[in-house]
């Protein structure tokens, strides 16, 4: 993930615990400034997750729903996971290089927690995710 990402779609793969099968989640990638700035603003729901890259903090001003936020380091290891209600400002995470956003409660169900290293696969770049509106 060392290269800069552009807007696109793919899948987030979360490994299972103790040899269990992992989870594969639809993923929107917001790599452009415009897509990162928009993020999940104005949405009532999200199918899967959104990756903001590069990013080390988020806010939920003008959000319509609470969200789970996972901060990832450059190796895609989860540094921290927080649930944020609308109207909040998240503090920047020093080691964070990417931020995952999803509907509140989703990440626990997928097994996204501190210390887990996720994977991003099947990336289709250039589809304009998160822009317009």
N, C-alpha and C. Protein backbone atom coordinates (compact mmCIF):
# COMPACT_ATOMS: atom_id res chain seq x y z
N UNK A 1 0.83 -1.19 0.00
CA UNK A 1 0.00 0.00 0.00
C UNK A 1 0.87 1.25 0.00
N UNK A 2 2.15 1.11 -0.30
CA UNK A 2 3.05 2.23 -0.27
C UNK A 2 2.74 3.29 -1.32
N UNK A 3 2.13 2.91 -2.42
CA UNK A 3 1.81 3.90 -3.45
C UNK A 3 0.52 4.62 -3.10
N UNK A 4 0.38 5.80 -3.66
CA UNK A 4 -0.82 6.60 -3.40
C UNK A 4 -1.99 6.02 -4.19
N UNK A 5 -3.10 5.83 -3.53
CA UNK A 5 -4.28 5.26 -4.17
C UNK A 5 -5.12 6.35 -4.81
N UNK A 6 -5.88 5.94 -5.82
CA UNK A 6 -6.87 6.81 -6.43
C UNK A 6 -8.24 6.28 -6.06
N UNK A 7 -9.28 6.99 -6.47
CA UNK A 7 -10.64 6.55 -6.19
C UNK A 7 -10.91 5.25 -6.93
N UNK A 8 -11.67 4.37 -6.30
CA UNK A 8 -12.01 3.11 -6.93
C UNK A 8 -12.82 2.23 -6.01
N UNK A 9 -12.94 0.97 -6.38
CA UNK A 9 -13.64 -0.01 -5.57
C UNK A 9 -12.77 -1.25 -5.46
N UNK A 10 -13.03 -2.04 -4.46
CA UNK A 10 -12.30 -3.28 -4.24
C UNK A 10 -12.96 -4.05 -3.13
N UNK A 11 -12.15 -4.81 -2.43
CA UNK A 11 -12.67 -5.59 -1.30
C UNK A 11 -11.70 -5.49 -0.14
N UNK A 12 -12.25 -5.43 1.04
CA UNK A 12 -11.50 -5.47 2.28
C UNK A 12 -11.55 -6.90 2.78
N UNK A 13 -10.40 -7.49 3.05
CA UNK A 13 -10.35 -8.86 3.57
C UNK A 13 -9.84 -8.81 5.00
N UNK A 14 -10.66 -9.32 5.91
CA UNK A 14 -10.31 -9.38 7.33
C UNK A 14 -10.06 -10.84 7.68
N UNK A 15 -8.85 -11.17 8.16
CA UNK A 15 -8.57 -12.58 8.46
C UNK A 15 -9.42 -13.09 9.61
N UNK A 16 -9.72 -14.39 9.57
CA UNK A 16 -10.48 -15.01 10.66
C UNK A 16 -9.58 -15.30 11.85
N UNK A 17 -10.19 -15.56 12.98
CA UNK A 17 -9.45 -15.91 14.20
C UNK A 17 -9.18 -17.40 14.24
N UNK A 18 -8.00 -17.77 14.70
CA UNK A 18 -7.66 -19.17 14.94
C UNK A 18 -7.95 -20.06 13.74
N UNK A 19 -7.56 -19.62 12.56
CA UNK A 19 -7.72 -20.43 11.36
C UNK A 19 -9.10 -20.39 10.72
N UNK A 20 -10.03 -19.66 11.34
CA UNK A 20 -11.38 -19.55 10.75
C UNK A 20 -11.30 -18.75 9.45
N UNK A 21 -12.27 -18.98 8.58
CA UNK A 21 -12.30 -18.26 7.32
C UNK A 21 -12.50 -16.77 7.58
N UNK A 22 -11.83 -15.95 6.79
CA UNK A 22 -11.93 -14.51 6.93
C UNK A 22 -13.20 -13.96 6.32
N UNK A 23 -13.34 -12.66 6.44
CA UNK A 23 -14.50 -11.96 5.92
C UNK A 23 -14.05 -11.07 4.76
N UNK A 24 -14.86 -11.03 3.72
CA UNK A 24 -14.60 -10.19 2.54
C UNK A 24 -15.72 -9.17 2.46
N UNK A 25 -15.35 -7.88 2.45
CA UNK A 25 -16.32 -6.79 2.54
C UNK A 25 -16.16 -5.87 1.33
N UNK A 26 -17.26 -5.46 0.68
CA UNK A 26 -17.15 -4.47 -0.41
C UNK A 26 -16.48 -3.20 0.11
N UNK A 27 -15.60 -2.63 -0.72
CA UNK A 27 -14.82 -1.48 -0.28
C UNK A 27 -14.82 -0.39 -1.34
N UNK A 28 -15.10 0.83 -0.91
CA UNK A 28 -14.94 2.01 -1.76
C UNK A 28 -13.63 2.67 -1.33
N UNK A 29 -12.84 3.11 -2.30
CA UNK A 29 -11.56 3.73 -2.00
C UNK A 29 -11.63 5.20 -2.38
N UNK A 30 -11.39 6.06 -1.40
CA UNK A 30 -11.37 7.50 -1.60
C UNK A 30 -9.92 7.96 -1.49
N UNK A 31 -9.26 8.09 -2.64
CA UNK A 31 -7.86 8.47 -2.67
C UNK A 31 -7.62 9.90 -3.10
N UNK A 32 -8.59 10.50 -3.80
CA UNK A 32 -8.44 11.89 -4.21
C UNK A 32 -8.87 12.81 -3.07
N UNK A 33 -8.39 14.03 -3.10
CA UNK A 33 -8.78 14.99 -2.06
C UNK A 33 -10.30 15.14 -2.01
N UNK A 34 -10.91 15.28 -3.17
CA UNK A 34 -12.36 15.50 -3.23
C UNK A 34 -13.13 14.32 -2.63
N UNK A 35 -12.74 13.11 -2.98
CA UNK A 35 -13.43 11.92 -2.46
C UNK A 35 -13.21 11.77 -0.96
N UNK A 36 -12.00 12.06 -0.47
CA UNK A 36 -11.73 11.97 0.97
C UNK A 36 -12.55 13.01 1.72
N UNK A 37 -12.64 14.22 1.16
CA UNK A 37 -13.40 15.29 1.83
C UNK A 37 -14.88 14.93 1.93
N UNK A 38 -15.41 14.28 0.91
CA UNK A 38 -16.82 13.89 0.91
C UNK A 38 -17.06 12.68 1.80
N UNK A 39 -16.20 11.67 1.68
CA UNK A 39 -16.34 10.48 2.51
C UNK A 39 -17.76 9.94 2.50
N UNK A 40 -18.32 9.72 3.68
CA UNK A 40 -19.68 9.20 3.81
C UNK A 40 -20.70 10.31 4.08
N UNK A 41 -20.30 11.56 3.93
CA UNK A 41 -21.21 12.67 4.21
C UNK A 41 -22.45 12.60 3.34
N UNK A 42 -23.60 12.82 3.95
CA UNK A 42 -24.86 12.86 3.22
C UNK A 42 -25.48 11.50 2.96
N UNK A 43 -24.83 10.43 3.38
CA UNK A 43 -25.39 9.09 3.14
C UNK A 43 -26.19 8.62 4.34
N UNK A 44 -27.18 7.78 4.05
CA UNK A 44 -27.97 7.17 5.12
C UNK A 44 -27.44 5.79 5.47
N UNK A 45 -26.63 5.21 4.57
CA UNK A 45 -26.06 3.89 4.82
C UNK A 45 -24.87 3.71 3.89
N UNK A 46 -24.12 2.63 4.12
CA UNK A 46 -23.00 2.28 3.26
C UNK A 46 -22.97 0.77 3.12
N UNK A 47 -22.75 0.31 1.90
CA UNK A 47 -22.64 -1.13 1.65
C UNK A 47 -21.18 -1.50 1.79
N UNK A 48 -20.80 -2.04 2.94
CA UNK A 48 -19.40 -2.39 3.19
C UNK A 48 -18.68 -1.27 3.90
N UNK A 49 -17.52 -0.88 3.36
CA UNK A 49 -16.68 0.11 4.02
C UNK A 49 -16.11 1.09 3.01
N UNK A 50 -15.58 2.19 3.53
CA UNK A 50 -14.87 3.16 2.70
C UNK A 50 -13.48 3.34 3.29
N UNK A 51 -12.47 3.33 2.41
CA UNK A 51 -11.08 3.57 2.81
C UNK A 51 -10.70 4.98 2.37
N UNK A 52 -10.29 5.79 3.34
CA UNK A 52 -9.77 7.13 3.05
C UNK A 52 -8.25 7.02 3.09
N UNK A 53 -7.59 7.37 1.98
CA UNK A 53 -6.15 7.22 1.91
C UNK A 53 -5.51 8.31 1.07
N UNK A 54 -4.50 8.99 1.56
CA UNK A 54 -3.98 8.92 2.92
C UNK A 54 -4.88 9.71 3.87
N UNK A 55 -4.94 9.29 5.12
CA UNK A 55 -5.72 9.98 6.14
C UNK A 55 -5.28 9.49 7.51
N UNK A 56 -5.35 10.38 8.52
CA UNK A 56 -5.06 9.96 9.89
C UNK A 56 -6.10 10.45 10.88
N UNK A 57 -7.16 11.10 10.37
CA UNK A 57 -8.26 11.52 11.25
C UNK A 57 -9.50 11.76 10.40
N UNK A 58 -10.65 11.81 11.05
CA UNK A 58 -11.92 12.08 10.37
C UNK A 58 -12.81 12.91 11.28
N UNK A 59 -13.86 13.43 10.70
CA UNK A 59 -14.90 14.10 11.48
C UNK A 59 -16.24 13.56 11.01
N UNK A 60 -17.26 13.79 11.83
CA UNK A 60 -18.60 13.31 11.46
C UNK A 60 -19.60 14.47 11.40
N UNK A 61 -19.11 15.68 11.15
CA UNK A 61 -20.00 16.82 10.97
C UNK A 61 -20.82 16.58 9.70
N UNK A 62 -22.10 16.86 9.75
CA UNK A 62 -23.05 16.67 8.64
C UNK A 62 -23.28 15.19 8.31
N UNK A 63 -22.85 14.29 9.17
CA UNK A 63 -23.14 12.87 8.97
C UNK A 63 -24.56 12.61 9.41
N UNK A 64 -25.18 11.61 8.79
CA UNK A 64 -26.56 11.24 9.13
C UNK A 64 -26.63 10.02 10.02
N UNK A 65 -25.49 9.38 10.25
CA UNK A 65 -25.49 8.12 11.00
C UNK A 65 -24.19 7.99 11.79
N UNK A 66 -24.22 7.24 12.89
CA UNK A 66 -22.97 6.95 13.59
C UNK A 66 -22.14 5.98 12.74
N UNK A 67 -20.81 6.08 12.84
CA UNK A 67 -19.94 5.21 12.06
C UNK A 67 -18.85 4.60 12.92
N UNK A 68 -18.37 3.45 12.47
CA UNK A 68 -17.14 2.87 13.01
C UNK A 68 -15.98 3.43 12.22
N UNK A 69 -14.90 3.74 12.91
CA UNK A 69 -13.70 4.27 12.28
C UNK A 69 -12.53 3.42 12.73
N UNK A 70 -11.80 2.85 11.76
CA UNK A 70 -10.59 2.10 12.07
C UNK A 70 -9.40 2.84 11.48
N UNK A 71 -8.39 3.07 12.30
CA UNK A 71 -7.17 3.73 11.87
C UNK A 71 -6.16 2.66 11.53
N UNK A 72 -5.57 2.73 10.32
CA UNK A 72 -4.63 1.72 9.84
C UNK A 72 -3.25 2.33 9.65
N UNK A 73 -2.20 1.56 9.96
CA UNK A 73 -0.85 2.04 9.70
C UNK A 73 -0.46 1.73 8.26
N UNK A 74 0.78 1.98 7.88
CA UNK A 74 1.17 1.79 6.48
C UNK A 74 1.15 0.35 6.04
N UNK A 75 1.19 -0.60 6.97
CA UNK A 75 1.13 -2.03 6.63
C UNK A 75 -0.30 -2.56 6.69
N UNK A 76 -1.28 -1.67 6.88
CA UNK A 76 -2.70 -2.01 6.99
C UNK A 76 -3.03 -2.78 8.27
N UNK A 77 -2.25 -2.54 9.30
CA UNK A 77 -2.54 -3.10 10.62
C UNK A 77 -3.40 -2.08 11.36
N UNK A 78 -4.46 -2.57 11.99
CA UNK A 78 -5.40 -1.69 12.71
C UNK A 78 -4.73 -1.16 13.97
N UNK A 79 -4.65 0.16 14.06
CA UNK A 79 -4.07 0.83 15.22
C UNK A 79 -5.13 1.01 16.30
N UNK A 80 -6.34 1.40 15.89
CA UNK A 80 -7.44 1.63 16.84
C UNK A 80 -8.76 1.61 16.08
N UNK A 81 -9.83 1.30 16.80
CA UNK A 81 -11.19 1.34 16.24
C UNK A 81 -12.06 2.14 17.20
N UNK A 82 -12.83 3.07 16.65
CA UNK A 82 -13.73 3.89 17.44
C UNK A 82 -15.08 3.97 16.76
N UNK A 83 -16.14 4.15 17.54
CA UNK A 83 -17.46 4.46 17.00
C UNK A 83 -17.68 5.94 17.25
N UNK A 84 -18.08 6.66 16.20
CA UNK A 84 -18.28 8.10 16.31
C UNK A 84 -19.72 8.46 15.94
N UNK A 85 -20.36 9.23 16.81
CA UNK A 85 -21.69 9.76 16.52
C UNK A 85 -21.55 10.97 15.60
N UNK A 86 -22.63 11.35 14.92
CA UNK A 86 -22.59 12.56 14.08
C UNK A 86 -22.18 13.79 14.90
N UNK A 87 -21.49 14.71 14.25
CA UNK A 87 -21.10 15.97 14.89
C UNK A 87 -19.85 15.90 15.73
N UNK A 88 -19.00 14.91 15.51
CA UNK A 88 -17.78 14.73 16.31
C UNK A 88 -16.53 14.98 15.47
N UNK A 89 -15.44 15.33 16.15
CA UNK A 89 -14.14 15.50 15.51
C UNK A 89 -13.19 14.47 16.11
N UNK A 90 -12.67 13.59 15.28
CA UNK A 90 -11.72 12.58 15.74
C UNK A 90 -10.32 13.15 15.79
N UNK A 91 -9.58 12.83 16.83
CA UNK A 91 -8.20 13.30 16.95
C UNK A 91 -7.32 12.53 15.97
N UNK A 92 -6.32 13.21 15.39
CA UNK A 92 -5.40 12.51 14.48
C UNK A 92 -4.63 11.40 15.22
N UNK A 93 -4.40 10.31 14.54
CA UNK A 93 -3.61 9.20 15.07
C UNK A 93 -2.23 9.27 14.42
N UNK A 94 -1.20 9.39 15.21
CA UNK A 94 0.15 9.60 14.70
C UNK A 94 0.59 8.51 13.74
N UNK A 95 0.37 7.24 14.07
CA UNK A 95 0.84 6.14 13.22
C UNK A 95 -0.12 5.81 12.08
N UNK A 96 -1.27 6.45 12.05
CA UNK A 96 -2.27 6.13 11.04
C UNK A 96 -1.93 6.73 9.69
N UNK A 97 -2.09 5.92 8.64
CA UNK A 97 -1.89 6.38 7.26
C UNK A 97 -3.16 6.26 6.44
N UNK A 98 -4.11 5.46 6.93
CA UNK A 98 -5.36 5.20 6.23
C UNK A 98 -6.46 5.10 7.28
N UNK A 99 -7.69 5.43 6.87
CA UNK A 99 -8.84 5.32 7.76
C UNK A 99 -9.94 4.56 7.05
N UNK A 100 -10.50 3.57 7.74
CA UNK A 100 -11.65 2.82 7.25
C UNK A 100 -12.89 3.35 7.95
N UNK A 101 -13.97 3.54 7.19
CA UNK A 101 -15.25 3.95 7.77
C UNK A 101 -16.31 2.94 7.38
N UNK A 102 -17.23 2.67 8.30
CA UNK A 102 -18.35 1.76 8.04
C UNK A 102 -19.48 2.12 8.99
N UNK A 103 -20.66 1.55 8.75
CA UNK A 103 -21.78 1.78 9.66
C UNK A 103 -21.41 1.29 11.06
N UNK A 104 -21.88 2.00 12.06
CA UNK A 104 -21.59 1.65 13.45
C UNK A 104 -21.96 0.20 13.73
N UNK A 105 -21.06 -0.54 14.34
CA UNK A 105 -21.28 -1.94 14.69
C UNK A 105 -20.76 -2.93 13.67
N UNK A 106 -20.54 -2.48 12.45
CA UNK A 106 -20.11 -3.41 11.39
C UNK A 106 -18.73 -3.99 11.63
N UNK A 107 -17.80 -3.17 12.07
CA UNK A 107 -16.41 -3.65 12.19
C UNK A 107 -16.25 -4.75 13.21
N UNK A 108 -16.97 -4.67 14.31
CA UNK A 108 -16.89 -5.74 15.32
C UNK A 108 -17.35 -7.05 14.71
N UNK A 109 -18.41 -6.99 13.91
CA UNK A 109 -18.91 -8.19 13.25
C UNK A 109 -17.93 -8.78 12.24
N UNK A 110 -17.12 -7.92 11.63
CA UNK A 110 -16.13 -8.39 10.66
C UNK A 110 -14.84 -8.86 11.31
N UNK A 111 -14.64 -8.52 12.59
CA UNK A 111 -13.39 -8.87 13.26
C UNK A 111 -12.31 -7.81 13.14
N UNK A 112 -12.69 -6.60 12.76
CA UNK A 112 -11.73 -5.50 12.69
C UNK A 112 -11.50 -4.98 14.10
N UNK A 113 -10.29 -5.16 14.60
CA UNK A 113 -9.92 -4.71 15.94
C UNK A 113 -8.43 -4.40 15.96
N UNK A 114 -7.99 -3.70 16.98
CA UNK A 114 -6.58 -3.32 17.08
C UNK A 114 -5.68 -4.56 16.97
N UNK A 115 -4.62 -4.42 16.17
CA UNK A 115 -3.66 -5.50 15.99
C UNK A 115 -3.90 -6.38 14.77
N UNK A 116 -5.11 -6.34 14.19
CA UNK A 116 -5.43 -7.16 13.02
C UNK A 116 -4.88 -6.48 11.77
N UNK A 117 -4.27 -7.27 10.92
CA UNK A 117 -3.78 -6.74 9.64
C UNK A 117 -4.76 -7.13 8.54
N UNK A 118 -5.36 -6.11 7.90
CA UNK A 118 -6.34 -6.35 6.85
C UNK A 118 -5.65 -6.33 5.50
N UNK A 119 -6.38 -6.70 4.47
CA UNK A 119 -5.85 -6.73 3.11
C UNK A 119 -6.86 -6.04 2.19
N UNK A 120 -6.34 -5.39 1.14
CA UNK A 120 -7.20 -4.76 0.15
C UNK A 120 -6.92 -5.44 -1.18
N UNK A 121 -7.99 -6.00 -1.79
CA UNK A 121 -7.83 -6.79 -3.01
C UNK A 121 -8.83 -6.36 -4.08
N UNK A 122 -8.61 -6.89 -5.29
CA UNK A 122 -9.54 -6.68 -6.42
C UNK A 122 -9.87 -5.21 -6.63
N UNK A 123 -8.84 -4.39 -6.69
CA UNK A 123 -9.05 -2.96 -6.81
C UNK A 123 -9.30 -2.58 -8.26
N UNK A 124 -10.41 -1.87 -8.48
CA UNK A 124 -10.77 -1.31 -9.78
C UNK A 124 -10.68 0.20 -9.62
N UNK A 125 -9.62 0.80 -10.16
CA UNK A 125 -9.33 2.21 -9.94
C UNK A 125 -9.96 3.07 -11.03
N UNK A 126 -10.34 4.26 -10.65
CA UNK A 126 -10.79 5.23 -11.62
C UNK A 126 -12.29 5.25 -11.87
N UNK A 127 -13.07 4.71 -10.94
CA UNK A 127 -14.51 4.68 -11.15
C UNK A 127 -15.23 5.86 -10.51
N UNK A 128 -14.47 6.78 -9.92
CA UNK A 128 -15.09 8.01 -9.41
C UNK A 128 -15.87 7.82 -8.13
N UNK A 129 -15.46 6.93 -7.27
CA UNK A 129 -16.17 6.68 -6.02
C UNK A 129 -16.07 7.88 -5.11
N UNK A 130 -17.20 8.22 -4.50
CA UNK A 130 -17.21 9.25 -3.49
C UNK A 130 -17.20 10.68 -4.03
N UNK A 131 -17.28 10.85 -5.33
CA UNK A 131 -17.29 12.19 -5.88
C UNK A 131 -18.64 12.48 -6.50
N UNK A 132 -18.92 13.72 -6.66
CA UNK A 132 -20.21 14.11 -7.22
C UNK A 132 -21.27 14.14 -6.14
N UNK A 133 -22.51 14.10 -6.54
CA UNK A 133 -23.42 14.03 -5.45
C UNK A 133 -24.75 14.50 -5.68
